[in-house]
PDB file of N, CA and C in Angstrom:
ATOM      1  N   MET A   1     -61.334 -50.781 -58.331  1.00  0.00           N
ATOM      2  CA  MET A   1     -62.070 -49.550 -59.123  1.00  0.00           C
ATOM      3  C   MET A   1     -62.354 -50.796 -60.059  1.00  0.00           C
ATOM      4  N   ALA A   2     -63.558 -50.256 -60.904  1.00  0.00           N
ATOM      5  CA  ALA A   2     -63.264 -50.992 -62.061  1.00  0.00           C
ATOM      6  C   ALA A   2     -62.719 -50.329 -63.495  1.00  0.00           C
ATOM      7  N   ALA A   3     -63.162 -51.052 -64.508  1.00  0.00           N
ATOM      8  CA  ALA A   3     -62.675 -50.281 -65.938  1.00  0.00           C
ATOM      9  C   ALA A   3     -63.457 -48.782 -66.019  1.00  0.00           C
ATOM     10  N   ILE A   4     -63.104 -48.226 -66.192  1.00  0.00           N
ATOM     11  CA  ILE A   4     -63.250 -46.696 -66.754  1.00  0.00           C
ATOM     12  C   ILE A   4     -63.870 -46.817 -68.328  1.00  0.00           C
ATOM     13  N   PHE A   5     -64.782 -46.055 -68.843  1.00  0.00           N
ATOM     14  CA  PHE A   5     -64.902 -45.817 -70.379  1.00  0.00           C
ATOM     15  C   PHE A   5     -65.768 -44.296 -70.570  1.00  0.00           C
ATOM     16  N   PHE A   6     -64.608 -44.164 -71.744  1.00  0.00           N
ATOM     17  CA  PHE A   6     -65.002 -42.507 -71.970  1.00  0.00           C
ATOM     18  C   PHE A   6     -64.404 -42.255 -73.503  1.00  0.00           C
ATOM     19  N   THR A   7     -65.047 -41.472 -74.265  1.00  0.00           N
ATOM     20  CA  THR A   7     -64.638 -40.870 -75.787  1.00  0.00           C
ATOM     21  C   THR A   7     -63.632 -39.799 -75.823  1.00  0.00           C
ATOM     22  N   ILE A   8     -62.991 -40.246 -76.002  1.00  0.00           N
ATOM     23  CA  ILE A   8     -61.988 -38.553 -76.579  1.00  0.00           C
ATOM     24  C   ILE A   8     -62.032 -38.450 -78.339  1.00  0.00           C
ATOM     25  N   SER A   9     -61.319 -37.168 -78.289  1.00  0.00           N
ATOM     26  CA  SER A   9     -61.529 -36.732 -79.482  1.00  0.00           C
ATOM     27  C   SER A   9     -60.339 -37.427 -80.664  1.00  0.00           C
ATOM     28  N   PRO A  10     -60.221 -37.823 -81.692  1.00  0.00           N
ATOM     29  CA  PRO A  10     -61.388 -37.324 -82.374  1.00  0.00           C
ATOM     30  C   PRO A  10     -62.349 -38.482 -82.326  1.00  0.00           C
ATOM     31  N   ASN A  11     -63.369 -38.688 -81.742  1.00  0.00           N
ATOM     32  CA  ASN A  11     -64.425 -40.142 -81.510  1.00  0.00           C
ATOM     33  C   ASN A  11     -63.148 -41.218 -81.804  1.00  0.00           C
ATOM     34  N   LEU A  12     -62.877 -41.468 -79.865  1.00  0.00           N
ATOM     35  CA  LEU A  12     -62.008 -42.256 -80.273  1.00  0.00           C
ATOM     36  C   LEU A  12     -62.098 -43.068 -78.231  1.00  0.00           C
ATOM     37  N   ALA A  13     -62.959 -43.971 -78.820  1.00  0.00           N
ATOM     38  CA  ALA A  13     -63.864 -44.598 -77.567  1.00  0.00           C
ATOM     39  C   ALA A  13     -61.985 -45.432 -76.370  1.00  0.00           C
ATOM     40  N   ILE A  14     -62.009 -45.142 -75.228  1.00  0.00           N
ATOM     41  CA  ILE A  14     -61.037 -45.653 -74.540  1.00  0.00           C
ATOM     42  C   ILE A  14     -61.480 -46.673 -73.361  1.00  0.00           C
ATOM     43  N   ILE A  15     -60.474 -47.128 -72.598  1.00  0.00           N
ATOM     44  CA  ILE A  15     -61.107 -48.079 -71.396  1.00  0.00           C
ATOM     45  C   ILE A  15     -59.912 -48.026 -70.728  1.00  0.00           C
ATOM     46  N   VAL A  16     -59.889 -47.131 -69.150  1.00  0.00           N
ATOM     47  CA  VAL A  16     -58.900 -46.903 -68.695  1.00  0.00           C
ATOM     48  C   VAL A  16     -58.711 -48.254 -67.839  1.00  0.00           C
ATOM     49  N   ILE A  17     -58.013 -48.914 -67.446  1.00  0.00           N
ATOM     50  CA  ILE A  17     -57.954 -49.670 -66.096  1.00  0.00           C
ATOM     51  C   ILE A  17     -57.634 -49.545 -65.429  1.00  0.00           C
ATOM     52  N   PRO A  18     -57.614 -48.377 -64.065  1.00  0.00           N
ATOM     53  CA  PRO A  18     -56.548 -48.456 -62.673  1.00  0.00           C
ATOM     54  C   PRO A  18     -56.147 -49.275 -62.299  1.00  0.00           C
ATOM     55  N   ASN A  19     -54.946 -49.473 -61.876  1.00  0.00           N
ATOM     56  CA  ASN A  19     -54.462 -50.791 -60.982  1.00  0.00           C
ATOM     57  C   ASN A  19     -54.243 -50.321 -59.403  1.00  0.00           C
ATOM     58  N   THR A  20     -55.771 -51.449 -58.417  1.00  0.00           N
ATOM     59  CA  THR A  20     -55.764 -51.026 -58.241  1.00  0.00           C
ATOM     60  C   THR A  20     -55.558 -52.012 -56.762  1.00  0.00           C
ATOM     61  N   ARG A  21     -55.081 -51.838 -55.472  1.00  0.00           N
ATOM     62  CA  ARG A  21     -55.246 -52.749 -54.761  1.00  0.00           C
ATOM     63  C   ARG A  21     -55.627 -52.597 -53.522  1.00  0.00           C
ATOM     64  N   VAL A  22     -56.301 -54.565 -53.401  1.00  0.00           N
ATOM     65  CA  VAL A  22     -56.669 -53.911 -51.573  1.00  0.00           C
ATOM     66  C   VAL A  22     -56.017 -54.294 -50.584  1.00  0.00           C
ATOM     67  N   HIS A  23     -56.677 -53.344 -49.651  1.00  0.00           N
ATOM     68  CA  HIS A  23     -56.106 -53.223 -48.182  1.00  0.00           C
ATOM     69  C   HIS A  23     -56.630 -54.156 -47.543  1.00  0.00           C
ATOM     70  N   GLN A  24     -56.012 -54.703 -45.978  1.00  0.00           N
ATOM     71  CA  GLN A  24     -56.803 -55.624 -45.248  1.00  0.00           C
ATOM     72  C   GLN A  24     -57.916 -55.576 -44.885  1.00  0.00           C
ATOM     73  N   ASN A  25     -58.778 -53.777 -44.607  1.00  0.00           N
ATOM     74  CA  ASN A  25     -59.922 -53.845 -44.234  1.00  0.00           C
ATOM     75  C   ASN A  25     -60.498 -54.097 -45.860  1.00  0.00           C
ATOM     76  N   GLY A  26     -60.563 -54.505 -46.886  1.00  0.00           N
ATOM     77  CA  GLY A  26     -61.234 -54.668 -47.967  1.00  0.00           C
ATOM     78  C   GLY A  26     -61.729 -53.196 -48.512  1.00  0.00           C
ATOM     79  N   HIS A  27     -61.167 -52.372 -48.437  1.00  0.00           N
ATOM     80  CA  HIS A  27     -61.200 -51.425 -49.043  1.00  0.00           C
ATOM     81  C   HIS A  27     -60.610 -51.346 -50.126  1.00  0.00           C
ATOM     82  N   GLN A  28     -60.704 -50.481 -51.837  1.00  0.00           N
ATOM     83  CA  GLN A  28     -59.594 -50.499 -52.219  1.00  0.00           C
ATOM     84  C   GLN A  28     -59.129 -49.177 -52.299  1.00  0.00           C
ATOM     85  N   VAL A  29     -58.096 -48.446 -53.092  1.00  0.00           N
ATOM     86  CA  VAL A  29     -57.461 -47.823 -53.293  1.00  0.00           C
ATOM     87  C   VAL A  29     -56.969 -47.231 -54.247  1.00  0.00           C
ATOM     88  N   ILE A  30     -57.262 -46.130 -55.119  1.00  0.00           N
ATOM     89  CA  ILE A  30     -56.956 -45.660 -56.331  1.00  0.00           C
ATOM     90  C   ILE A  30     -55.368 -45.508 -56.298  1.00  0.00           C
ATOM     91  N   THR A  31     -54.250 -46.085 -57.256  1.00  0.00           N
ATOM     92  CA  THR A  31     -53.500 -46.224 -57.408  1.00  0.00           C
ATOM     93  C   THR A  31     -52.967 -44.725 -58.564  1.00  0.00           C
ATOM     94  N   TYR A  32     -51.894 -44.970 -59.032  1.00  0.00           N
ATOM     95  CA  TYR A  32     -51.048 -43.932 -59.774  1.00  0.00           C
ATOM     96  C   TYR A  32     -51.274 -44.516 -61.408  1.00  0.00           C
ATOM     97  N   THR A  33     -51.044 -45.648 -61.503  1.00  0.00           N
ATOM     98  CA  THR A  33     -51.020 -45.929 -62.776  1.00  0.00           C
ATOM     99  C   THR A  33     -51.997 -46.638 -63.241  1.00  0.00           C
ATOM    100  N   TYR A  34     -52.381 -46.171 -65.054  1.00  0.00           N
ATOM    101  CA  TYR A  34     -53.624 -46.225 -65.730  1.00  0.00           C
ATOM    102  C   TYR A  34     -53.038 -46.511 -67.004  1.00  0.00           C
ATOM    103  N   SER A  35     -53.552 -48.176 -67.378  1.00  0.00           N
ATOM    104  CA  SER A  35     -53.365 -49.064 -68.391  1.00  0.00           C
ATOM    105  C   SER A  35     -54.837 -48.433 -69.256  1.00  0.00           C
ATOM    106  N   VAL A  36     -54.077 -48.374 -70.639  1.00  0.00           N
ATOM    107  CA  VAL A  36     -55.051 -47.459 -71.692  1.00  0.00           C
ATOM    108  C   VAL A  36     -55.143 -48.529 -72.603  1.00  0.00           C
ATOM    109  N   PHE A  37     -56.926 -48.678 -72.928  1.00  0.00           N
ATOM    110  CA  PHE A  37     -56.856 -49.660 -74.450  1.00  0.00           C
ATOM    111  C   PHE A  37     -57.921 -48.980 -75.270  1.00  0.00           C
ATOM    112  N   ASN A  38     -57.577 -48.870 -76.700  1.00  0.00           N
ATOM    113  CA  ASN A  38     -59.236 -48.509 -77.411  1.00  0.00           C
ATOM    114  C   ASN A  38     -59.730 -49.621 -77.396  1.00  0.00           C
ATOM    115  N   ASN A  39     -60.879 -48.689 -76.835  1.00  0.00           N
ATOM    116  CA  ASN A  39     -62.565 -49.762 -76.830  1.00  0.00           C
ATOM    117  C   ASN A  39     -63.041 -49.644 -78.038  1.00  0.00           C
ATOM    118  N   LYS A  40     -62.359 -50.529 -79.675  1.00  0.00           N
ATOM    119  CA  LYS A  40     -63.096 -50.240 -80.749  1.00  0.00           C
ATOM    120  C   LYS A  40     -64.588 -50.599 -81.013  1.00  0.00           C
ATOM    121  N   GLN A  41     -65.242 -51.425 -79.834  1.00  0.00           N
ATOM    122  CA  GLN A  41     -66.569 -51.723 -79.362  1.00  0.00           C
ATOM    123  C   GLN A  41     -67.514 -50.143 -79.564  1.00  0.00           C
ATOM    124  N   ALA A  42     -66.780 -49.267 -78.752  1.00  0.00           N
ATOM    125  CA  ALA A  42     -67.552 -48.476 -77.991  1.00  0.00           C
ATOM    126  C   ALA A  42     -68.408 -48.646 -76.968  1.00  0.00           C
ATOM    127  N   ALA A  43     -67.958 -49.771 -76.170  1.00  0.00           N
ATOM    128  CA  ALA A  43     -69.314 -50.049 -75.464  1.00  0.00           C
ATOM    129  C   ALA A  43     -68.934 -50.506 -74.425  1.00  0.00           C
ATOM    130  N   GLU A  44     -69.240 -50.651 -73.151  1.00  0.00           N
ATOM    131  CA  GLU A  44     -68.962 -51.293 -71.988  1.00  0.00           C
ATOM    132  C   GLU A  44     -68.941 -52.666 -71.581  1.00  0.00           C
ATOM    133  N   PRO A  45     -68.157 -54.093 -72.249  1.00  0.00           N
ATOM    134  CA  PRO A  45     -68.007 -54.833 -72.241  1.00  0.00           C
ATOM    135  C   PRO A  45     -67.964 -55.623 -70.671  1.00  0.00           C
ATOM    136  N   ALA A  46     -68.923 -56.325 -70.473  1.00  0.00           N
ATOM    137  CA  ALA A  46     -68.398 -57.350 -69.221  1.00  0.00           C
ATOM    138  C   ALA A  46     -67.266 -57.809 -69.334  1.00  0.00           C
ATOM    139  N   GLU A  47     -66.465 -57.180 -69.303  1.00  0.00           N
ATOM    140  CA  GLU A  47     -64.630 -58.303 -69.620  1.00  0.00           C
ATOM    141  C   GLU A  47     -64.190 -57.718 -68.129  1.00  0.00           C
ATOM    142  N   THR A  48     -63.615 -58.217 -67.890  1.00  0.00           N
ATOM    143  CA  THR A  48     -62.781 -58.913 -66.505  1.00  0.00           C
ATOM    144  C   THR A  48     -61.453 -58.109 -67.159  1.00  0.00           C
ATOM    145  N   THR A  49     -60.310 -58.135 -66.167  1.00  0.00           N
ATOM    146  CA  THR A  49     -58.947 -58.024 -66.533  1.00  0.00           C
ATOM    147  C   THR A  49     -58.264 -58.543 -67.205  1.00  0.00           C
ATOM    148  N   SER A  50     -58.566 -60.261 -66.682  1.00  0.00           N
ATOM    149  CA  SER A  50     -58.068 -61.411 -67.424  1.00  0.00           C
ATOM    150  C   SER A  50     -57.920 -60.791 -68.811  1.00  0.00           C
ATOM    151  N   THR A  51     -59.126 -60.762 -68.781  1.00  0.00           N
ATOM    152  CA  THR A  51     -59.056 -60.446 -71.175  1.00  0.00           C
ATOM    153  C   THR A  51     -58.269 -59.756 -71.131  1.00  0.00           C
ATOM    154  N   PHE A  52     -57.811 -58.730 -70.867  1.00  0.00           N
ATOM    155  CA  PHE A  52     -56.926 -57.408 -71.067  1.00  0.00           C
ATOM    156  C   PHE A  52     -55.184 -58.072 -71.138  1.00  0.00           C
ATOM    157  N   GLY A  53     -55.222 -58.927 -69.934  1.00  0.00           N
ATOM    158  CA  GLY A  53     -54.022 -59.778 -70.205  1.00  0.00           C
ATOM    159  C   GLY A  53     -53.073 -58.831 -68.747  1.00  0.00           C
ATOM    160  N   LEU A  54     -53.638 -58.244 -67.569  1.00  0.00           N
ATOM    161  CA  LEU A  54     -52.684 -57.860 -66.947  1.00  0.00           C
ATOM    162  C   LEU A  54     -52.649 -58.819 -65.904  1.00  0.00           C
ATOM    163  N   GLU A  55     -53.110 -60.040 -65.748  1.00  0.00           N
ATOM    164  CA  GLU A  55     -52.446 -59.962 -64.418  1.00  0.00           C
ATOM    165  C   GLU A  55     -51.256 -61.044 -65.099  1.00  0.00           C
ATOM    166  N   GLU A  56     -51.016 -61.148 -66.557  1.00  0.00           N
ATOM    167  CA  GLU A  56     -49.430 -62.194 -67.379  1.00  0.00           C
ATOM    168  C   GLU A  56     -48.603 -61.033 -66.660  1.00  0.00           C
ATOM    169  N   GLY A  57     -48.787 -59.703 -66.362  1.00  0.00           N
ATOM    170  CA  GLY A  57     -47.632 -58.800 -66.839  1.00  0.00           C
ATOM    171  C   GLY A  57     -47.199 -57.845 -68.134  1.00  0.00           C
ATOM    172  N   LYS A  58     -48.074 -59.171 -68.887  1.00  0.00           N
ATOM    173  CA  LYS A  58     -47.493 -58.777 -70.446  1.00  0.00           C
ATOM    174  C   LYS A  58     -48.752 -58.324 -70.701  1.00  0.00           C
ATOM    175  N   LEU A  59     -48.431 -57.264 -71.886  1.00  0.00           N
ATOM    176  CA  LEU A  59     -50.323 -56.792 -72.347  1.00  0.00           C
ATOM    177  C   LEU A  59     -49.807 -57.063 -74.018  1.00  0.00           C
ATOM    178  N   LYS A  60     -50.649 -58.271 -74.576  1.00  0.00           N
ATOM    179  CA  LYS A  60     -50.377 -58.358 -75.764  1.00  0.00           C
ATOM    180  C   LYS A  60     -51.568 -58.126 -76.509  1.00  0.00           C
ATOM    181  N   ASN A  61     -52.593 -57.530 -75.891  1.00  0.00           N
ATOM    182  CA  ASN A  61     -53.547 -57.265 -76.692  1.00  0.00           C
ATOM    183  C   ASN A  61     -53.415 -56.207 -77.370  1.00  0.00           C
ATOM    184  N   PRO A  62     -53.812 -56.333 -78.659  1.00  0.00           N
ATOM    185  CA  PRO A  62     -53.612 -55.526 -80.185  1.00  0.00           C
ATOM    186  C   PRO A  62     -54.284 -53.948 -79.510  1.00  0.00           C
ATOM    187  N   ASP A  63     -55.003 -54.018 -78.806  1.00  0.00           N
ATOM    188  CA  ASP A  63     -55.917 -52.583 -78.790  1.00  0.00           C
ATOM    189  C   ASP A  63     -55.242 -52.038 -77.264  1.00  0.00           C
ATOM    190  N   TYR A  64     -54.607 -52.259 -76.612  1.00  0.00           N
ATOM    191  CA  TYR A  64     -53.348 -51.855 -75.281  1.00  0.00           C
ATOM    192  C   TYR A  64     -52.630 -50.707 -76.330  1.00  0.00           C
ATOM    193  N   MET A  65     -52.952 -49.566 -75.467  1.00  0.00           N
ATOM    194  CA  MET A  65     -52.007 -47.993 -75.855  1.00  0.00           C
ATOM    195  C   MET A  65     -51.070 -47.767 -75.519  1.00  0.00           C
ATOM    196  N   GLY A  66     -50.862 -48.424 -73.974  1.00  0.00           N
ATOM    197  CA  GLY A  66     -49.583 -48.301 -72.993  1.00  0.00           C
ATOM    198  C   GLY A  66     -50.469 -47.915 -71.541  1.00  0.00           C
ATOM    199  N   PHE A  67     -49.706 -46.656 -70.843  1.00  0.00           N
ATOM    200  CA  PHE A  67     -50.101 -46.715 -69.193  1.00  0.00           C
ATOM    201  C   PHE A  67     -49.713 -45.281 -68.630  1.00  0.00           C
ATOM    202  N   ILE A  68     -50.432 -45.037 -68.207  1.00  0.00           N
ATOM    203  CA  ILE A  68     -50.341 -43.328 -68.008  1.00  0.00           C
ATOM    204  C   ILE A  68     -49.956 -43.561 -66.427  1.00  0.00           C
ATOM    205  N   THR A  69     -49.049 -42.642 -66.108  1.00  0.00           N
ATOM    206  CA  THR A  69     -48.386 -42.555 -64.267  1.00  0.00           C
ATOM    207  C   THR A  69     -48.464 -41.721 -63.832  1.00  0.00           C
ATOM    208  N   PHE A  70     -49.395 -41.171 -62.644  1.00  0.00           N
ATOM    209  CA  PHE A  70     -49.687 -39.793 -62.358  1.00  0.00           C
ATOM    210  C   PHE A  70     -48.091 -39.695 -61.006  1.00  0.00           C
ATOM    211  N   GLU A  71     -47.145 -39.455 -61.398  1.00  0.00           N
ATOM    212  CA  GLU A  71     -46.231 -38.843 -60.652  1.00  0.00           C
ATOM    213  C   GLU A  71     -46.219 -38.303 -59.392  1.00  0.00           C
ATOM    214  N   ASP A  72     -47.259 -36.865 -59.643  1.00  0.00           N
ATOM    215  CA  ASP A  72     -47.711 -36.074 -58.861  1.00  0.00           C
ATOM    216  C   ASP A  72     -48.699 -35.569 -59.590  1.00  0.00           C
ATOM    217  N   PRO A  73     -49.980 -36.186 -58.948  1.00  0.00           N
ATOM    218  CA  PRO A  73     -51.128 -35.883 -59.523  1.00  0.00           C
ATOM    219  C   PRO A  73     -51.416 -33.985 -59.690  1.00  0.00           C
ATOM    220  N   GLY A  74     -52.052 -33.932 -60.442  1.00  0.00           N
ATOM    221  CA  GLY A  74     -51.960 -32.410 -60.879  1.00  0.00           C
ATOM    222  C   GLY A  74     -51.133 -31.473 -61.859  1.00  0.00           C
ATOM    223  N   LYS A  75     -49.738 -32.624 -61.482  1.00  0.00           N
ATOM    224  CA  LYS A  75     -48.630 -31.034 -61.444  1.00  0.00           C
ATOM    225  C   LYS A  75     -47.695 -32.379 -62.677  1.00  0.00           C
ATOM    226  N   LEU A  76     -47.511 -33.578 -62.566  1.00  0.00           N
ATOM    227  CA  LEU A  76     -46.607 -34.421 -63.377  1.00  0.00           C
ATOM    228  C   LEU A  76     -46.766 -35.865 -63.337  1.00  0.00           C
ATOM    229  N   PHE A  77     -46.968 -35.708 -64.874  1.00  0.00           N
ATOM    230  CA  PHE A  77     -47.643 -36.883 -65.409  1.00  0.00           C
ATOM    231  C   PHE A  77     -46.576 -37.933 -66.505  1.00  0.00           C
ATOM    232  N   ASN A  78     -46.645 -39.142 -66.480  1.00  0.00           N
ATOM    233  CA  ASN A  78     -46.374 -39.434 -67.247  1.00  0.00           C
ATOM    234  C   ASN A  78     -46.431 -40.949 -68.325  1.00  0.00           C
ATOM    235  N   TYR A  79     -46.696 -41.006 -69.893  1.00  0.00           N
ATOM    236  CA  TYR A  79     -47.137 -41.522 -70.447  1.00  0.00           C
ATOM    237  C   TYR A  79     -46.239 -42.572 -71.019  1.00  0.00           C
ATOM    238  N   THR A  80     -46.418 -43.719 -70.869  1.00  0.00           N
ATOM    239  CA  THR A  80     -45.962 -45.059 -72.125  1.00  0.00           C
ATOM    240  C   THR A  80     -45.950 -45.772 -72.889  1.00  0.00           C
ATOM    241  N   ASP A  81     -45.838 -45.415 -73.928  1.00  0.00           N
ATOM    242  CA  ASP A  81     -46.495 -46.019 -75.144  1.00  0.00           C
ATOM    243  C   ASP A  81     -46.051 -47.344 -75.326  1.00  0.00           C
ATOM    244  N   ASP A  82     -46.089 -48.533 -74.511  1.00  0.00           N
ATOM    245  CA  ASP A  82     -45.787 -49.469 -74.944  1.00  0.00           C
ATOM    246  C   ASP A  82     -46.397 -50.352 -75.603  1.00  0.00           C
ATOM    247  N   GLY A  83     -47.736 -50.512 -76.392  1.00  0.00           N
ATOM    248  CA  GLY A  83     -49.144 -50.914 -76.666  1.00  0.00           C
ATOM    249  C   GLY A  83     -48.480 -50.452 -78.157  1.00  0.00           C
ATOM    250  N   SER A  84     -49.358 -51.446 -78.565  1.00  0.00           N
ATOM    251  CA  SER A  84     -49.448 -51.370 -80.024  1.00  0.00           C
ATOM    252  C   SER A  84     -49.877 -50.393 -80.576  1.00  0.00           C
ATOM    253  N   GLN A  85     -50.942 -49.259 -79.902  1.00  0.00           N
ATOM    254  CA  GLN A  85     -51.007 -48.145 -81.326  1.00  0.00           C
ATOM    255  C   GLN A  85     -50.298 -47.245 -79.949  1.00  0.00           C
ATOM    256  N   ARG A  86     -50.363 -45.744 -80.485  1.00  0.00           N
ATOM    257  CA  ARG A  86     -49.990 -44.973 -79.852  1.00  0.00           C
ATOM    258  C   ARG A  86     -50.725 -43.369 -79.155  1.00  0.00           C
ATOM    259  N   LEU A  87     -50.779 -42.953 -78.682  1.00  0.00           N
ATOM    260  CA  LEU A  87     -52.015 -42.175 -78.149  1.00  0.00           C
ATOM    261  C   LEU A  87     -50.905 -40.899 -78.873  1.00  0.00           C
ATOM    262  N   SER A  88     -51.914 -39.799 -79.015  1.00  0.00           N
ATOM    263  CA  SER A  88     -51.116 -38.165 -79.187  1.00  0.00           C
ATOM    264  C   SER A  88     -50.873 -37.244 -78.320  1.00  0.00           C
ATOM    265  N   LEU A  89     -50.295 -36.232 -78.143  1.00  0.00           N
ATOM    266  CA  LEU A  89     -49.782 -35.192 -76.783  1.00  0.00           C
ATOM    267  C   LEU A  89     -51.111 -35.192 -76.381  1.00  0.00           C
ATOM    268  N   GLY A  90     -52.024 -34.474 -77.972  1.00  0.00           N
ATOM    269  CA  GLY A  90     -53.683 -34.001 -77.182  1.00  0.00           C
ATOM    270  C   GLY A  90     -54.590 -35.212 -76.783  1.00  0.00           C
ATOM    271  N   GLN A  91     -54.298 -35.865 -77.082  1.00  0.00           N
ATOM    272  CA  GLN A  91     -55.513 -37.639 -76.298  1.00  0.00           C
ATOM    273  C   GLN A  91     -54.618 -37.866 -74.849  1.00  0.00           C
ATOM    274  N   VAL A  92     -53.409 -38.071 -74.775  1.00  0.00           N
ATOM    275  CA  VAL A  92     -52.675 -38.255 -73.414  1.00  0.00           C
ATOM    276  C   VAL A  92     -53.474 -37.030 -72.222  1.00  0.00           C
ATOM    277  N   GLU A  93     -53.453 -35.807 -72.911  1.00  0.00           N
ATOM    278  CA  GLU A  93     -54.438 -34.896 -71.639  1.00  0.00           C
ATOM    279  C   GLU A  93     -55.237 -34.658 -71.446  1.00  0.00           C
ATOM    280  N   GLU A  94     -55.954 -35.124 -72.666  1.00  0.00           N
ATOM    281  CA  GLU A  94     -57.326 -35.325 -72.787  1.00  0.00           C
ATOM    282  C   GLU A  94     -57.951 -36.569 -71.159  1.00  0.00           C
ATOM    283  N   ILE A  95     -56.874 -37.641 -72.055  1.00  0.00           N
ATOM    284  CA  ILE A  95     -57.190 -38.900 -70.892  1.00  0.00           C
ATOM    285  C   ILE A  95     -57.005 -38.576 -69.581  1.00  0.00           C
ATOM    286  N   ILE A  96     -55.839 -37.701 -69.150  1.00  0.00           N
ATOM    287  CA  ILE A  96     -55.772 -37.664 -67.474  1.00  0.00           C
ATOM    288  C   ILE A  96     -56.807 -36.821 -67.307  1.00  0.00           C
ATOM    289  N   GLU A  97     -57.076 -35.757 -68.068  1.00  0.00           N
ATOM    290  CA  GLU A  97     -58.401 -34.836 -67.432  1.00  0.00           C
ATOM    291  C   GLU A  97     -59.420 -35.937 -66.967  1.00  0.00           C
ATOM    292  N   HIS A  98     -60.008 -36.603 -67.672  1.00  0.00           N
ATOM    293  CA  HIS A  98     -60.609 -37.609 -67.805  1.00  0.00           C
ATOM    294  C   HIS A  98     -60.250 -38.803 -66.047  1.00  0.00           C
ATOM    295  N   ILE A  99     -59.099 -38.975 -66.095  1.00  0.00           N
ATOM    296  CA  ILE A  99     -58.956 -39.923 -64.853  1.00  0.00           C
ATOM    297  C   ILE A  99     -58.534 -38.908 -63.820  1.00  0.00           C
ATOM    298  N   SER A 100     -58.425 -37.457 -64.090  1.00  0.00           N
ATOM    299  CA  SER A 100     -58.068 -36.894 -62.597  1.00  0.00           C
ATOM    300  C   SER A 100     -59.713 -36.738 -61.855  1.00  0.00           C
ATOM    301  N   HIS A 101     -60.856 -36.316 -63.147  1.00  0.00           N
ATOM    302  CA  HIS A 101     -61.972 -36.020 -62.626  1.00  0.00           C
ATOM    303  C   HIS A 101     -62.515 -37.347 -61.775  1.00  0.00           C
ATOM    304  N   TYR A 102     -62.184 -38.251 -62.081  1.00  0.00           N
ATOM    305  CA  TYR A 102     -62.733 -39.865 -61.181  1.00  0.00           C
ATOM    306  C   TYR A 102     -61.878 -39.441 -59.896  1.00  0.00           C
ATOM    307  N   ARG A 103     -60.689 -39.428 -60.161  1.00  0.00           N
ATOM    308  CA  ARG A 103     -59.495 -38.857 -58.919  1.00  0.00           C
ATOM    309  C   ARG A 103     -60.245 -37.907 -57.943  1.00  0.00           C
ATOM    310  N   ASP A 104     -60.774 -36.975 -58.547  1.00  0.00           N
ATOM    311  CA  ASP A 104     -61.047 -35.517 -57.575  1.00  0.00           C
ATOM    312  C   ASP A 104     -62.648 -36.484 -56.934  1.00  0.00           C
ATOM    313  N   ASN A 105     -62.851 -36.995 -57.609  1.00  0.00           N
ATOM    314  CA  ASN A 105     -64.593 -37.276 -57.434  1.00  0.00           C
ATOM    315  C   ASN A 105     -64.516 -38.516 -56.847  1.00  0.00           C
ATOM    316  N   PRO A 106     -64.140 -39.197 -55.616  1.00  0.00           N
ATOM    317  CA  PRO A 106     -64.398 -40.562 -55.062  1.00  0.00           C
ATOM    318  C   PRO A 106     -65.926 -40.860 -55.331  1.00  0.00           C
ATOM    319  N   GLY A 107     -66.754 -40.275 -54.947  1.00  0.00           N
ATOM    320  CA  GLY A 107     -68.509 -40.807 -55.420  1.00  0.00           C
ATOM    321  C   GLY A 107     -68.866 -41.559 -56.197  1.00  0.00           C
ATOM    322  N   MET A 108     -67.811 -40.721 -57.410  1.00  0.00           N
ATOM    323  CA  MET A 108     -68.330 -41.211 -58.863  1.00  0.00           C
ATOM    324  C   MET A 108     -67.998 -42.914 -59.360  1.00  0.00           C
ATOM    325  N   TRP A 109     -67.271 -43.247 -58.131  1.00  0.00           N
ATOM    326  CA  TRP A 109     -66.289 -44.718 -57.985  1.00  0.00           C
ATOM    327  C   TRP A 109     -67.508 -45.568 -58.498  1.00  0.00           C
ATOM    328  N   ARG A 110     -68.187 -45.673 -57.594  1.00  0.00           N
ATOM    329  CA  ARG A 110     -69.924 -46.293 -57.533  1.00  0.00           C
ATOM    330  C   ARG A 110     -70.707 -46.510 -58.652  1.00  0.00           C
ATOM    331  N   HIS A 111     -70.243 -45.772 -59.673  1.00  0.00           N
ATOM    332  CA  HIS A 111     -71.123 -45.201 -60.812  1.00  0.00           C
ATOM    333  C   HIS A 111     -70.548 -46.078 -62.137  1.00  0.00           C
ATOM    334  N   ILE A 112     -69.191 -46.760 -61.970  1.00  0.00           N
ATOM    335  CA  ILE A 112     -68.448 -46.885 -62.834  1.00  0.00           C
ATOM    336  C   ILE A 112     -68.473 -48.395 -62.591  1.00  0.00           C
ATOM    337  N   HIS A 113     -69.405 -49.002 -64.035  1.00  0.00           N
ATOM    338  CA  HIS A 113     -70.084 -50.721 -64.126  1.00  0.00           C
ATOM    339  C   HIS A 113     -68.914 -51.243 -63.454  1.00  0.00           C
ATOM    340  N   GLN A 114     -69.153 -52.422 -62.783  1.00  0.00           N
ATOM    341  CA  GLN A 114     -68.522 -53.498 -62.603  1.00  0.00           C
ATOM    342  C   GLN A 114     -68.495 -54.884 -63.324  1.00  0.00           C
TER     343      GLN A 114
END
């Protein structure tokens, strides 16, 4: 699954990068952890996850805002604000709503820009 682009209030453009895994049969599966970035350009850049530093295991990107873990989808979520920018509780809740919408509607995955 590719990055997800959307805007939350107050007018904050967000990029969410799901941590996906590929099984032996080649199908991607959605996982429970999502890295969140501020999308200052408010556009859908043709960037890969390597641009964000995910492969290195260290997120040095100044736009990194932490990650959200779905402990129990629909019931229990955890936000880890280990980035240089922090989200408010309301912003985290709004991001969780967007992610949940994609999780609940797998048919939308093919509409995400790759």
